[in-house]
Structures are given as C-alpha cells and as structure tokens.
Protein backbone atom coordinates (compact mmCIF):
# COMPACT_ATOMS: atom_id res chain seq x y z
CA MET A 1 0.00 0.00 0.00
CA THR A 2 1.41 3.42 -0.91
CA LYS A 3 2.82 5.46 1.97
CA GLY A 4 2.14 9.17 2.43
CA VAL A 5 4.20 11.71 0.52
CA ALA A 6 5.49 13.13 3.79
CA ALA A 7 6.98 9.79 4.76
CA LEU A 8 8.69 9.57 1.38
CA ALA A 9 10.11 13.04 1.90
CA LEU A 10 11.55 11.80 5.19
CA ALA A 11 13.52 9.12 3.38
CA GLY A 12 14.99 11.62 0.93
CA ALA A 13 15.74 14.38 3.41
CA ILE A 14 17.19 12.12 6.03
CA ALA A 15 20.71 12.26 4.65
CA SER A 16 20.76 14.35 1.51
CA PRO A 17 23.72 16.76 1.47
CA ALA A 18 22.19 18.36 -1.60
CA ALA A 19 19.53 19.84 0.71
CA ALA A 20 22.12 21.20 3.06
CA GLN A 21 21.30 24.91 3.14
CA PHE A 22 18.91 26.07 5.85
CA ARG A 23 15.78 26.99 3.96
CA LEU A 24 12.08 26.42 4.01
CA ILE A 25 11.07 23.33 2.07
CA PRO A 26 7.60 23.53 0.49
CA LYS A 27 5.23 21.05 2.05
CA PRO A 28 4.10 18.26 -0.29
CA LYS A 29 0.46 17.92 -1.12
CA THR A 30 -1.43 16.03 1.54
CA ALA A 31 -1.67 12.37 0.69
CA GLU A 32 -4.16 9.89 2.05
CA THR A 33 -2.67 8.00 4.94
CA PRO A 34 -3.46 4.27 4.88
CA ALA A 35 -5.89 3.37 7.61
CA THR A 36 -3.68 0.52 8.75
CA ARG A 37 -0.82 2.85 9.57
CA PRO A 38 -0.51 4.77 12.86
CA GLN A 39 -1.08 8.49 12.60
CA PRO A 40 1.67 10.91 13.71
CA THR A 41 1.00 12.34 17.13
CA PRO A 42 1.36 16.12 17.67
CA VAL A 43 4.55 16.90 19.50
CA SER A 44 2.66 18.44 22.39
CA GLN A 45 1.01 15.08 23.07
CA VAL A 46 4.06 12.87 22.74
CA GLN A 47 5.62 11.52 25.88
CA THR A 48 9.37 11.06 25.77
CA GLN A 49 10.05 7.34 25.58
CA THR A 50 12.79 6.14 27.88
CA PRO A 51 15.01 3.60 26.11
CA ARG A 52 15.52 0.24 27.75
CA PRO A 53 18.89 0.58 29.42
CA VAL A 54 21.60 -1.94 28.67
CA ALA A 55 24.42 -0.34 30.55
CA THR A 56 24.74 3.13 32.00
CA PRO A 57 26.23 5.18 29.16
CA THR A 58 29.43 7.01 29.94
CA PRO A 59 29.13 10.81 29.53
CA ARG A 60 30.96 11.89 26.42
CA ALA A 61 33.90 14.19 26.15
CA PRO A 62 32.51 16.97 23.92
CA GLN A 63 31.07 19.21 26.59
CA THR A 64 30.14 19.15 30.22
CA GLN A 65 26.86 20.82 30.96
CA THR A 66 26.68 24.01 32.96
CA PRO A 67 27.60 22.86 36.47
CA ALA A 68 24.61 22.12 38.62
CA VAL A 69 24.44 22.89 42.31
CA GLN A 70 26.05 20.00 44.13
CA THR A 71 24.10 18.49 46.99
CA PRO A 72 26.46 17.65 49.89
CA LYS A 73 26.61 14.01 50.83
CA PRO A 74 25.01 13.14 54.18
CA SER A 75 27.51 12.76 56.97
CA LEU A 76 25.58 9.92 58.55
CA ALA A 77 24.52 6.68 57.01
CA PRO A 78 20.77 6.39 56.45
CA PRO A 79 18.92 4.38 59.08
CA GLN A 80 18.48 0.70 58.38
CA VAL A 81 14.89 -0.27 57.65
CA GLN A 82 13.71 -3.84 58.07
CA PRO A 83 11.99 -4.96 54.89
CA THR A 84 8.34 -5.85 55.13
CA PRO A 85 7.72 -9.48 54.14
CA ILE A 86 5.98 -9.65 50.78
CA ALA A 87 3.84 -12.59 49.84
CA PRO A 88 5.05 -14.28 46.65
CA ALA A 89 3.16 -13.21 43.56
CA PRO A 90 0.86 -15.85 42.14
CA LEU A 91 2.23 -17.64 39.12
CA VAL A 92 0.78 -16.36 35.85
CA GLN A 93 -0.12 -19.16 33.52
CA ALA A 94 1.17 -18.45 30.02
CA ALA A 95 -1.52 -18.41 27.37
CA PRO A 96 -1.54 -21.65 25.39
CA LEU A 97 -0.10 -21.50 21.91
CA PRO A 98 -2.73 -21.37 19.17
CA SER A 99 -3.16 -24.56 17.20
CA LEU A 100 -2.44 -24.37 13.47
CA THR A 101 -4.15 -26.36 10.77
CA SER A 102 -2.00 -28.26 8.30
CA LYS A 103 -2.85 -25.62 5.69
CA GLN A 104 -1.73 -22.82 8.02
CA ILE A 105 1.53 -24.65 8.80
CA ALA A 106 2.27 -24.87 5.07
CA GLU A 107 1.32 -21.24 4.53
CA LEU A 108 3.49 -20.04 7.40
CA ARG A 109 6.41 -22.11 6.17
CA GLN A 110 6.35 -20.31 2.83
CA LEU A 111 5.69 -16.88 4.35
CA LEU A 112 8.54 -17.14 6.85
CA THR A 113 10.97 -18.50 4.27
CA ASP A 114 10.30 -15.59 1.91
CA ALA A 115 9.91 -12.84 4.52
CA GLY A 116 13.03 -13.63 6.52
CA LEU A 117 15.10 -13.06 3.40
CA SER A 118 13.21 -10.04 2.01
CA GLN A 119 13.31 -8.24 5.36
CA GLY A 120 17.08 -8.56 5.65
CA LEU A 121 17.08 -10.82 8.68
CA ARG A 122 19.46 -13.31 7.10
CA ARG A 123 21.86 -13.57 4.19
CA MET A 124 21.02 -15.29 0.93
CA THR A 125 23.51 -18.04 1.65
CA SER A 126 22.03 -18.90 5.04
CA THR A 127 19.33 -21.52 5.40
CA VAL A 128 16.67 -22.02 8.04
CA THR A 129 15.13 -25.38 8.80
CA LEU A 130 11.58 -24.75 9.97
CA PRO A 131 9.77 -27.25 12.22
CA ASN A 132 6.90 -29.37 11.01
CA ASP A 133 4.67 -29.32 14.08
CA SER A 134 2.17 -26.67 15.08
CA ASP A 135 3.87 -25.52 18.29
CA GLY A 136 7.25 -25.29 16.57
CA MET A 137 5.85 -23.22 13.72
CA VAL A 138 4.08 -20.90 16.14
CA ARG A 139 7.34 -20.26 17.98
CA ALA A 140 9.14 -19.66 14.68
CA ALA A 141 6.45 -17.16 13.64
CA LEU A 142 6.65 -15.28 16.95
CA ASP A 143 10.44 -15.17 16.71
CA TYR A 144 10.20 -13.71 13.20
CA ALA A 145 7.62 -11.17 14.36
CA ARG A 146 9.84 -9.87 17.14
CA ALA A 147 12.83 -9.71 14.80
CA VAL A 148 11.17 -7.80 11.98
CA HIS A 149 9.14 -5.50 14.23
CA SER A 150 11.64 -4.65 16.97
CA GLY A 151 14.95 -5.95 15.68
CA ARG A 152 16.95 -9.12 15.80
CA LEU A 153 19.35 -7.99 18.55
CA ASP A 154 19.34 -8.98 22.18
CA SER A 155 19.81 -6.23 24.74
CA SER A 156 23.36 -7.46 25.33
CA ASP A 157 24.22 -6.77 21.67
CA PHE A 158 23.80 -3.01 21.96
CA ILE A 159 26.98 -1.02 22.39
CA ASN A 160 27.11 2.06 24.59
CA ASP A 161 26.68 4.58 21.77
CA TRP A 162 23.57 2.90 20.35
CA GLY A 163 21.27 4.82 22.66
CA LEU A 164 18.07 3.93 20.79
CA ARG A 165 16.15 0.89 21.98
CA PRO A 166 13.04 -0.65 20.44
CA ALA A 167 9.91 -0.64 22.56
CA PRO A 168 8.82 -3.98 24.08
CA PHE A 169 6.64 -5.92 21.68
CA ASP A 170 4.50 -8.99 22.29
CA PRO A 171 3.36 -10.49 18.99
CA ALA A 172 1.34 -13.29 20.55
CA PRO A 173 -2.11 -11.60 20.77
CA GLY A 174 -1.97 -10.35 17.18
CA PHE A 175 -0.78 -13.71 15.94
CA ALA A 176 -3.51 -15.58 17.79
CA ASP A 177 -6.10 -13.28 16.21
CA ALA A 178 -4.57 -13.83 12.75
CA VAL A 179 -4.72 -17.58 13.24
CA LYS A 180 -8.33 -17.40 14.40
CA ARG A 181 -9.36 -15.25 11.41
CA ASP A 182 -7.05 -17.10 9.01
CA ARG A 183 -5.24 -13.86 8.05
CA LEU A 184 -1.61 -14.89 8.48
CA ALA A 185 -0.36 -13.17 5.31
CA ALA A 186 -1.88 -9.84 6.38
CA TRP A 187 -0.33 -10.22 9.84
CA ILE A 188 3.10 -10.84 8.29
CA ARG A 189 2.76 -7.76 6.04
CA ALA A 190 1.86 -5.47 8.97
CA LEU A 191 4.93 -6.32 11.10
CA PRO A 192 7.77 -4.23 9.54
CA PRO A 193 8.33 -0.56 10.47
CA PRO A 194 5.59 1.63 8.92
CA TYR A 195 7.93 4.04 7.14
CA ALA A 196 8.65 4.76 3.49
CA GLY A 197 12.33 4.92 4.39
CA TYR A 198 12.21 1.28 5.44
CA ASP A 199 10.22 0.31 2.35
CA GLY A 200 12.85 1.98 0.16
CA LEU A 201 15.55 -0.14 1.77
CA GLU A 202 13.47 -3.28 1.32
CA LYS A 203 13.22 -2.59 -2.42
CA GLY A 204 16.91 -1.70 -2.53
CA LEU A 205 17.76 -5.01 -0.86
CA VAL A 206 15.93 -6.88 -3.63
CA ALA A 207 17.73 -4.87 -6.31
CA TYR A 208 21.22 -5.29 -4.89
CA ARG A 209 20.72 -8.97 -4.18
CA ALA A 210 19.75 -9.34 -7.84
CA ILE A 211 23.01 -7.61 -8.76
CA LEU A 212 24.85 -10.00 -6.47
CA THR A 213 23.16 -13.02 -8.03
CA SER A 214 24.13 -11.74 -11.49
CA GLY A 215 27.79 -11.59 -10.56
CA GLY A 216 28.11 -8.14 -9.03
CA TRP A 217 30.49 -5.64 -10.60
CA ALA A 218 34.14 -5.76 -11.56
CA LYS A 219 36.66 -3.76 -9.57
CA LEU A 220 37.97 -0.71 -11.44
CA ALA A 221 41.72 -0.57 -11.92
CA PRO A 222 43.66 2.28 -10.28
CA GLY A 223 45.24 4.94 -12.44
CA PRO A 224 45.14 8.64 -13.31
CA ASP A 225 41.94 10.60 -12.73
CA LEU A 226 39.32 10.09 -15.41
CA GLY A 227 37.49 13.09 -16.76
CA LYS A 228 35.76 14.37 -19.86
CA GLY A 229 37.80 13.64 -22.97
CA ALA A 230 39.59 10.56 -21.60
CA SER A 231 39.40 7.29 -23.51
CA GLY A 232 40.56 3.72 -23.39
CA ALA A 233 39.95 0.48 -21.52
CA ARG A 234 39.49 2.14 -18.09
CA VAL A 235 36.72 4.38 -19.47
CA LYS A 236 34.99 1.35 -21.00
CA ALA A 237 35.22 -0.46 -17.64
CA LEU A 238 33.83 2.65 -15.91
CA ARG A 239 30.81 2.62 -18.20
CA LYS A 240 30.08 -1.01 -17.40
CA ARG A 241 30.45 -0.38 -13.67
CA LEU A 242 28.13 2.64 -13.61
CA ALA A 243 25.54 0.88 -15.76
CA VAL A 244 25.03 -1.79 -13.10
CA GLU A 245 23.42 0.78 -10.78
CA ASP A 246 22.33 3.39 -13.33
CA LYS A 247 20.25 2.14 -16.25
CA GLN A 248 20.70 5.45 -18.09
CA VAL A 249 24.36 4.63 -18.79
CA SER A 250 25.31 3.14 -22.12
CA THR A 251 27.94 0.41 -21.94
CA SER A 252 29.12 0.93 -25.52
CA GLY A 253 32.14 3.04 -26.32
CA ASP A 254 35.39 3.90 -24.54
CA VAL A 255 35.19 7.71 -24.60
CA PHE A 256 34.44 9.87 -21.56
CA ASP A 257 31.74 12.08 -23.11
CA GLN A 258 29.11 14.39 -21.64
CA ASP A 259 26.66 11.54 -20.98
CA LEU A 260 29.30 9.66 -19.01
CA GLN A 261 30.18 12.79 -17.06
CA ASP A 262 26.51 13.22 -16.15
CA ALA A 263 26.45 9.59 -14.98
CA VAL A 264 29.54 10.18 -12.83
CA LEU A 265 27.86 13.23 -11.28
CA ARG A 266 24.77 11.16 -10.44
CA ALA A 267 26.94 8.47 -8.87
CA GLN A 268 28.88 11.00 -6.81
CA ARG A 269 25.66 12.45 -5.45
CA ARG A 270 24.35 8.97 -4.60
CA TYR A 271 27.52 8.29 -2.64
CA GLY A 272 27.61 11.67 -0.90
CA LEU A 273 30.76 12.80 -2.69
CA ARG A 274 31.58 16.23 -4.04
CA PRO A 275 30.04 16.25 -7.55
CA THR A 276 33.03 17.08 -9.74
CA GLY A 277 32.32 14.82 -12.68
CA VAL A 278 35.88 13.49 -12.40
CA VAL A 279 36.65 9.97 -11.21
CA SER A 280 39.44 10.43 -8.69
CA THR A 281 40.52 8.46 -5.62
CA GLY A 282 37.34 8.96 -3.54
CA THR A 283 34.94 8.13 -6.35
CA LEU A 284 37.01 5.12 -7.36
CA ALA A 285 36.95 3.82 -3.77
CA ALA A 286 33.15 4.19 -3.55
CA LEU A 287 32.61 2.41 -6.86
CA ASN A 288 34.92 -0.42 -5.80
CA VAL A 289 32.99 -1.32 -2.64
CA PRO A 290 31.78 -4.87 -3.33
CA VAL A 291 28.06 -5.42 -3.83
CA GLU A 292 28.14 -7.90 -0.91
CA ALA A 293 29.13 -5.03 1.37
CA ARG A 294 26.31 -2.84 0.02
CA VAL A 295 23.80 -5.62 0.74
CA ARG A 296 25.01 -5.90 4.32
CA GLN A 297 24.89 -2.10 4.63
CA ILE A 298 21.23 -2.08 3.57
CA MET A 299 20.46 -4.85 6.07
CA ALA A 300 22.11 -2.91 8.89
CA ASN A 301 20.10 0.23 8.14
CA MET A 302 16.86 -1.79 8.00
CA GLU A 303 17.65 -3.04 11.49
CA ARG A 304 18.12 0.48 12.82
CA TRP A 305 14.70 1.51 11.49
CA ARG A 306 13.23 -1.18 13.76
CA TRP A 307 14.59 0.61 16.81
CA LEU A 308 12.41 3.67 16.19
CA PRO A 309 8.96 4.06 17.74
CA GLN A 310 6.02 3.05 15.59
CA THR A 311 4.94 6.69 15.40
CA LEU A 312 7.44 9.54 15.14
CA PRO A 313 6.43 12.96 16.52
CA ALA A 314 5.11 15.22 13.78
CA LYS A 315 7.40 18.02 15.02
CA ARG A 316 10.96 16.87 15.34
CA ILE A 317 14.58 17.53 14.52
CA GLN A 318 16.63 14.75 12.96
CA VAL A 319 20.38 14.59 12.54
CA ASN A 320 21.89 12.02 10.23
CA ILE A 321 25.21 11.45 11.96
CA ALA A 322 26.89 9.67 9.04
CA ALA A 323 25.92 12.30 6.46
CA ALA A 324 26.24 15.25 8.89
CA VAL A 325 22.90 16.81 7.93
CA MET A 326 20.16 18.21 10.19
CA THR A 327 16.52 18.28 9.08
CA VAL A 328 13.55 19.96 10.75
CA PHE A 329 10.08 18.43 10.43
CA ASP A 330 6.73 20.08 11.04
CA GLY A 331 3.47 18.31 10.37
CA ASP A 332 5.56 15.26 9.45
CA SER A 333 7.05 17.12 6.46
CA PRO A 334 10.65 18.37 6.15
CA ILE A 335 10.55 22.18 6.30
CA ALA A 336 14.23 23.08 6.72
CA SER A 337 17.68 21.55 6.57
CA MET A 338 21.27 22.56 7.11
CA LYS A 339 24.76 21.12 7.15
CA ALA A 340 26.14 19.84 10.42
CA VAL A 341 29.46 18.64 11.80
CA THR A 342 29.28 15.40 13.79
CA GLY A 343 31.74 13.35 15.82
CA ARG A 344 34.95 12.10 14.29
CA PRO A 345 35.77 8.39 14.64
CA GLY A 346 36.97 7.92 18.19
CA ASN A 347 34.61 10.68 19.38
CA GLU A 348 31.43 9.20 17.95
CA THR A 349 28.14 11.06 18.12
CA PRO A 350 25.74 8.60 19.78
CA MET A 351 22.37 7.56 18.44
CA LEU A 352 19.62 8.76 20.76
CA GLN A 353 16.21 10.36 21.08
CA SER A 354 15.29 13.20 23.43
CA ARG A 355 13.55 16.61 23.51
CA ILE A 356 15.08 20.07 23.15
CA HIS A 357 13.91 21.93 26.24
CA SER A 358 16.20 25.00 26.35
CA ILE A 359 18.23 27.33 24.18
CA VAL A 360 21.29 28.94 25.76
CA LEU A 361 22.27 32.30 24.27
CA ASN A 362 25.94 33.24 24.63
CA PRO A 363 26.89 29.91 26.21
CA PRO A 364 30.26 29.50 27.94
CA TRP A 365 32.14 26.28 27.33
CA ASN A 366 32.90 24.18 30.35
CA VAL A 367 35.76 22.18 28.89
CA PRO A 368 35.68 18.45 29.66
CA SER A 369 38.72 17.34 31.61
CA GLY A 370 39.79 14.89 28.90
CA ILE A 371 39.84 17.57 26.19
CA ALA A 372 41.56 20.02 28.52
CA ALA A 373 44.30 17.55 29.45
CA LYS A 374 44.93 16.38 25.88
CA GLU A 375 44.46 19.54 23.84
CA LEU A 376 44.53 22.69 25.96
CA TRP A 377 46.68 22.50 29.10
CA PRO A 378 49.80 21.62 27.05
CA LYS A 379 49.47 24.94 25.14
CA GLY A 380 50.22 26.98 28.25
CA GLU A 381 48.45 29.71 30.17
CA ALA A 382 49.35 32.45 27.68
CA TYR A 383 47.47 30.64 24.93
CA LEU A 384 44.52 29.94 27.21
CA LYS A 385 44.23 33.58 28.24
CA ALA A 386 44.46 34.79 24.65
CA HIS A 387 41.58 32.52 23.64
CA GLY A 388 39.23 33.45 26.46
CA TYR A 389 39.80 30.55 28.86
CA ARG A 390 39.80 31.02 32.59
CA ILE A 391 41.09 28.57 35.14
CA ILE A 392 38.62 27.61 37.85
CA GLY A 393 39.96 26.02 41.02
CA THR A 394 43.48 24.89 41.88
CA GLY A 395 45.50 21.71 41.98
CA PRO A 396 44.18 18.49 40.51
CA ASP A 397 40.58 19.77 40.66
CA ARG A 398 41.17 22.79 38.46
CA ARG A 399 39.16 23.04 35.27
CA LEU A 400 38.83 25.30 32.26
CA GLN A 401 35.93 27.42 31.14
CA GLN A 402 35.93 29.41 27.91
CA GLU A 403 34.02 32.64 28.33
CA SER A 404 30.96 33.34 26.24
CA GLY A 405 31.28 35.52 23.19
CA PRO A 406 32.52 35.36 19.61
CA LYS A 407 35.54 33.17 20.48
CA SER A 408 33.57 30.52 22.35
CA ALA A 409 33.77 27.06 20.80
CA LEU A 410 29.98 26.88 21.24
CA GLY A 411 29.36 30.09 19.33
CA ARG A 412 26.26 32.04 20.25
CA TYR A 413 23.70 29.24 20.54
CA LYS A 414 23.41 25.96 22.41
CA PHE A 415 20.38 23.66 22.19
CA ASP A 416 20.00 21.50 25.28
CA PHE A 417 18.24 18.15 25.58
CA ASP A 418 18.49 15.55 28.31
CA ASN A 419 20.76 12.61 27.51
CA PRO A 420 23.37 10.55 29.36
CA TYR A 421 26.14 11.37 26.87
CA ALA A 422 26.40 15.14 27.57
CA VAL A 423 25.97 15.97 23.88
CA TYR A 424 23.91 18.78 22.36
CA LEU A 425 23.50 20.91 19.22
CA HIS A 426 25.45 24.16 19.07
CA ASP A 427 26.84 27.02 17.02
CA THR A 428 30.51 27.41 16.12
CA PRO A 429 32.71 30.40 15.25
CA VAL A 430 34.55 28.28 12.66
CA GLN A 431 32.45 28.04 9.50
CA SER A 432 35.08 26.50 7.22
CA GLY A 433 34.20 22.96 8.33
CA PHE A 434 30.81 23.19 6.60
CA ASN A 435 32.46 23.51 3.19
CA SER A 436 33.66 19.91 3.29
CA TYR A 437 31.62 16.95 2.07
CA SER A 438 33.09 14.90 4.90
CA ARG A 439 32.03 16.69 8.07
CA LEU A 440 32.90 14.34 10.90
CA ASP A 441 35.19 16.50 12.98
CA SER A 442 33.66 17.20 16.41
CA HIS A 443 34.21 15.67 19.83
CA GLY A 444 30.72 14.16 19.64
CA CYS A 445 28.37 17.13 19.82
CA VAL A 446 26.63 18.40 16.68
CA ARG A 447 27.70 21.76 15.26
CA LEU A 448 25.08 23.54 13.16
CA GLU A 449 25.76 25.69 10.12
CA LYS A 450 22.89 28.15 10.72
CA PRO A 451 21.71 27.88 14.34
CA GLY A 452 20.18 31.37 14.39
CA PRO A 453 17.21 30.55 12.13
CA LEU A 454 16.67 27.34 14.11
CA ALA A 455 16.52 29.27 17.38
CA GLU A 456 14.04 31.74 15.89
CA LEU A 457 11.91 28.86 14.65
CA LEU A 458 11.80 27.19 18.07
CA LEU A 459 11.08 30.49 19.85
CA LYS A 460 8.52 31.85 17.40
CA ASN A 461 5.68 31.41 19.92
CA ASP A 462 7.51 33.13 22.78
CA PRO A 463 6.60 36.86 22.80
CA ASN A 464 9.68 37.65 24.93
CA TRP A 465 12.14 36.14 22.45
CA GLN A 466 11.28 37.38 19.01
CA PRO A 467 14.16 37.93 16.53
CA ASP A 468 14.88 41.51 17.67
CA ALA A 469 15.13 40.44 21.31
CA ILE A 470 17.45 37.56 20.42
CA ALA A 471 19.66 39.87 18.35
CA ALA A 472 19.83 42.41 21.18
CA GLN A 473 20.87 39.72 23.67
CA LEU A 474 23.61 38.48 21.34
CA GLU A 475 25.17 41.95 21.12
CA GLY A 476 26.65 41.35 24.55
CA THR A 477 28.18 38.30 26.20
CA LYS A 478 25.75 37.71 29.05
CA THR A 479 24.60 34.10 29.18
CA VAL A 480 20.82 33.54 29.16
CA ARG A 481 19.02 30.21 29.23
CA VAL A 482 15.62 30.36 27.53
CA ARG A 483 13.31 27.54 28.58
CA LEU A 484 10.94 26.46 25.83
CA ALA A 485 7.27 26.17 26.73
CA ASP A 486 6.15 22.57 27.03
CA ALA A 487 4.16 22.84 23.79
CA ASP A 488 7.21 24.21 21.94
CA GLN A 489 9.71 21.60 23.11
CA VAL A 490 10.62 19.50 20.12
CA ALA A 491 11.74 15.91 19.78
CA VAL A 492 15.30 15.39 18.58
CA TYR A 493 16.67 12.22 17.01
CA LEU A 494 20.34 11.55 16.36
CA LEU A 495 20.36 8.71 13.82
CA TYR A 496 22.93 6.85 11.78
CA TRP A 497 21.79 6.33 8.20
CA THR A 498 24.35 5.13 5.65
CA ALA A 499 21.92 3.66 3.12
CA PHE A 500 18.60 5.11 2.00
CA ALA A 501 16.44 5.42 -1.09
CA GLY A 502 16.32 8.80 -2.77
CA PRO A 503 13.15 10.46 -4.11
CA ASP A 504 13.61 8.57 -7.38
CA GLY A 505 13.94 5.25 -5.56
CA ALA A 506 17.66 4.90 -6.35
CA MET A 507 19.80 3.66 -3.46
CA ASN A 508 22.11 6.21 -1.86
CA PHE A 509 25.07 5.18 0.26
CA ARG A 510 27.38 6.95 2.68
CA ASP A 511 30.61 5.85 4.28
CA ASP A 512 30.42 3.84 7.50
CA PRO A 513 32.81 6.06 9.47
CA TYR A 514 32.21 4.38 12.83
CA ASN A 515 32.18 0.81 11.43
CA TRP A 516 28.71 0.43 12.94
CA ASP A 517 27.23 -1.11 9.79
CA ALA A 518 29.75 -3.93 9.76
CA LEU A 519 29.39 -4.52 13.48
CA LEU A 520 25.60 -4.54 13.33
CA ALA A 521 25.53 -6.86 10.30
CA GLU A 522 27.70 -9.35 12.20
CA LYS A 523 25.38 -9.20 15.20
CA ILE A 524 22.27 -9.67 13.02
CA GLU A 525 23.79 -12.70 11.34
CA ALA A 526 24.89 -14.20 14.65
CA ARG A 527 21.37 -13.83 16.07
CA ALA A 528 19.87 -15.29 12.89
CA ALA A 529 22.14 -18.31 13.26
CA VAL A 530 21.03 -18.79 16.86
CA SER A 531 17.39 -18.52 15.80
CA ALA A 532 17.91 -21.02 12.98
CA ALA A 533 19.55 -23.51 15.34
CA THR A 534 16.70 -23.12 17.82
CA ALA A 535 14.05 -23.54 15.14
CA SER A 536 15.64 -26.68 13.77
C-alpha cells in the first residue's frame, strides 16, 4: 500500500547533502494516509520514551553541561529499615499456543521462508530449517515477528553509543487473532516498520541482491583521474560499472563524453561525494565497494529503522550522523535543513532520542577534563588567556571554562536536551568545516551551520524572544538560558543512516565512518544463526 508523501520526503531528506542549506522546504500535497498505519502524534502530546537501558552510558567528552548545584553528601549513614515481608506473587499461567491447521503450517512455512530473506534478517547463503509441528511453527512465527518489528538484537548486543532501543513488543495476541481469522499473510505484512524509508531499503535489498546473483560488478583498476575527454579500456570499464546501478548509462564506447560525465555526477551524489564529474581516488573507492558489502549495509540500516517508535512525533529535529545533515520536520514534512558537523571516529556522536527543552544564548564552554588535558593544558596559560579561557579552582581539581562571546567554541547558541552522553547541538565560530563533504570533525556534539534561524523557529511562539530580542541579547556576552514552553519543546533524534532510497527510488550510500554497519551486520547474522539452530 502506498505510503504518504510526507513519509517519502523523510527518506529523501534524512541524509541528503544536496539539501544542506537552511531553507524552508515547500510542504508536499497532503496524501491519504493508509488506515492501517498509525497516525503521527502532535509533538505536544508525545511523551518522551525512555530507552531500555543496557548499561549506563558514559558521559561523552565533547562538553560538560553548565555545572549544577552540588548536593552535599550526608555525613551519617541512612537508618536501616527492616523490609516488610511480601507474599510471593501468584504464578501467571502463560496463554496456550494457538493450534495451526496443516494448511496454516504450510502457509506459514512459505511466508517465513520468503519474509526472513526479504526483510534482511538473514543472508542469501544462510538456510533455516523450519519445524513441522504446530507448536514449533508458532514459535518460529513469533520469533520472526519480534525480529522484523523490533529488531533481531538482544539487549546485550547493543553497544554504549547505540542509545536507541526498540519498545517492548508482544506479537502473541496479534498472531492468535490472525490464526483465528485465518489472516496470516496480512499479519506478516503489517509487522515491519511503517515508514517509506524502510520500504525503500526493502526494495533496494531486492535490487542489490539481484546484482549480487548476477555476478556483481568488476573492480575498477587504479590509475590517473578520469574526466571528460579521456578514452581507453578504463573508461569502457567505468561505463560497465556505472551501468550496473544506473540504467541510463550506455555500456558501448570507450570515450568519456558528456553523458558519461553526467552519470559520474549522479553516482557521486548517490555516494555523498563532491560532484566534480571526475573519477578520482574517492569516487574510485566508492565504486569499488563490493556489492556484498552494500547488501550488508542495507540490512544494517533496516535493522536500525526497527529501533524507532512506531509513530514519530510530527514536530521533530533529525540529525543524520553519518551524512552530517540536520533536518527539521513540522506536520511530518521536512521544512528546513542545514549542514552539520558530527563526531569524528573515536569521538562518535551517539544515536539517541530526546527533547530540546532549552536554548542557551551566549553559552560559555565548560571544557571536559579529557579535552583540557589532551588539547589545551599543554598549550600553556598564555594561549589559554588569549583565547578566552579562565582557570577555575586549583590543583588536581582545576578546570577550564571558555568565556561566552565570539571566540567561544559553542558560538552564540546551544540547544540543550536531556541525555546521558552530555551531547547537544550548538553554534561554532569556525564556519570552514561546513564547506567539506566529509564533516565528521567534532568531539561528539553536533555543530550547526545556521543555528540562528533554528533558534528563531523554536522560539517563534515566545513573545519575549522574538528575533529583535534575540539579536539584542547576542550583542553582549551575558549568558541567558531560555526555557521552551512545554508545547514548543521538540523531539530530537540523532540517527545513523548510511543507506537510504532517494526520491527517485535509487539507493544512496554513505561511508560507514564508525564501522557500525559492519558490526551490526555481524550481530544480526549471529542472532539469525542462533534462531535457525533453535528452530531446527
């Protein structure tokens, strides 16, 4: 069933560096939302969902929050209280498994065999031996339902920086109803995430597996840069390589003409590279990634979609960490976007969801001790003074704070949201980083290219903080924290998308700078193997 236009716009805007300037994006025409899909909930009605904790995340280095008042520890131990005996809870009898007819067993066998592959839960080379009895098939169906709806991973598989967690999901009631009404195929179809972005990956998985089955693509030989006017065997090989993914490319000829240059530009945009029309080292490396790796990349991104809630807030801010792009949504449509700078490998920006509750104007920077020790203290006090740092405290407890103002590493704006990693969105006085197509260069926080328009957008309903008042406040260096009204607080999602379908349906890929795709694919496959062994 066709998804709404707004959901399709989400898939395209989620990582597109071509839409990187902060601007208003015209809303698409309203499309009919399928009745079987959940409706977006207004942001004022959405309750922040607390992820299921796996381990207490370690606060990240980028920035300590403005110090809170410390509550002194009690000098005396709390009194010991004898626990009140509690009667044991009565045992809850698990509902009996529904009984399948022989026809339903056969139907489920075919559905699970096809769906497990099409939903990216296992590789083409893996096999699953399904049971023949009713109870065994029911358990296999419930296992599939949990995997495709909420993800294949166990809680122990999540690393610290994967701060998103799927909501608990019990497929048993829905399955029992499907068995009773003999609607197993409809139940299977309704399980995956209800997003066009996920559907685009599902179609992309089919396409790239077909490429894999057909033999994939040949690796291009290294050599001098290829541009318009070049000719020879390497140009002919380039044509064949591009034609595998781009049906507009002709494979005949060995001359780099205008049509081939246009094809190279399309490929560079699909891979998030600077569109030069010249095949140099970066473009060659992207084209030489094996199709097997692209398939696993698609599978990993499908898994991450399963970690999102079944309904995203209509008003939200999304950051694609891998592509370093921020997008603002209103009414479930993208209305603005801008370039961002996200964490470099080693200082990864975590995946998380939260709500922006405050904007700090003229924020000081309380330098984390790790950054201070590694990058600032060695430069000496003369350097620190020249760059607006002041030393607070003495001895081993001393710390650095950079004063607010034009030299502050946080610029003029800081957008605060609760999270255990101590990360946030902020301004920066250094704009040169936004000119690069590879913008992973922060300590983990997210720098924004144009934070001023974002602040005005979030404060548009506050009569005390209209644009003139904001501008007047920024003329000085006094720090002011503006608390957003509850109705104006907006959900924020930091996500890691390295594969997505563009508006034309063509697959787009980004680098996997944190190696999270490879790690996640390994974990998915390991869990699939465990499930297969259990089922057999």
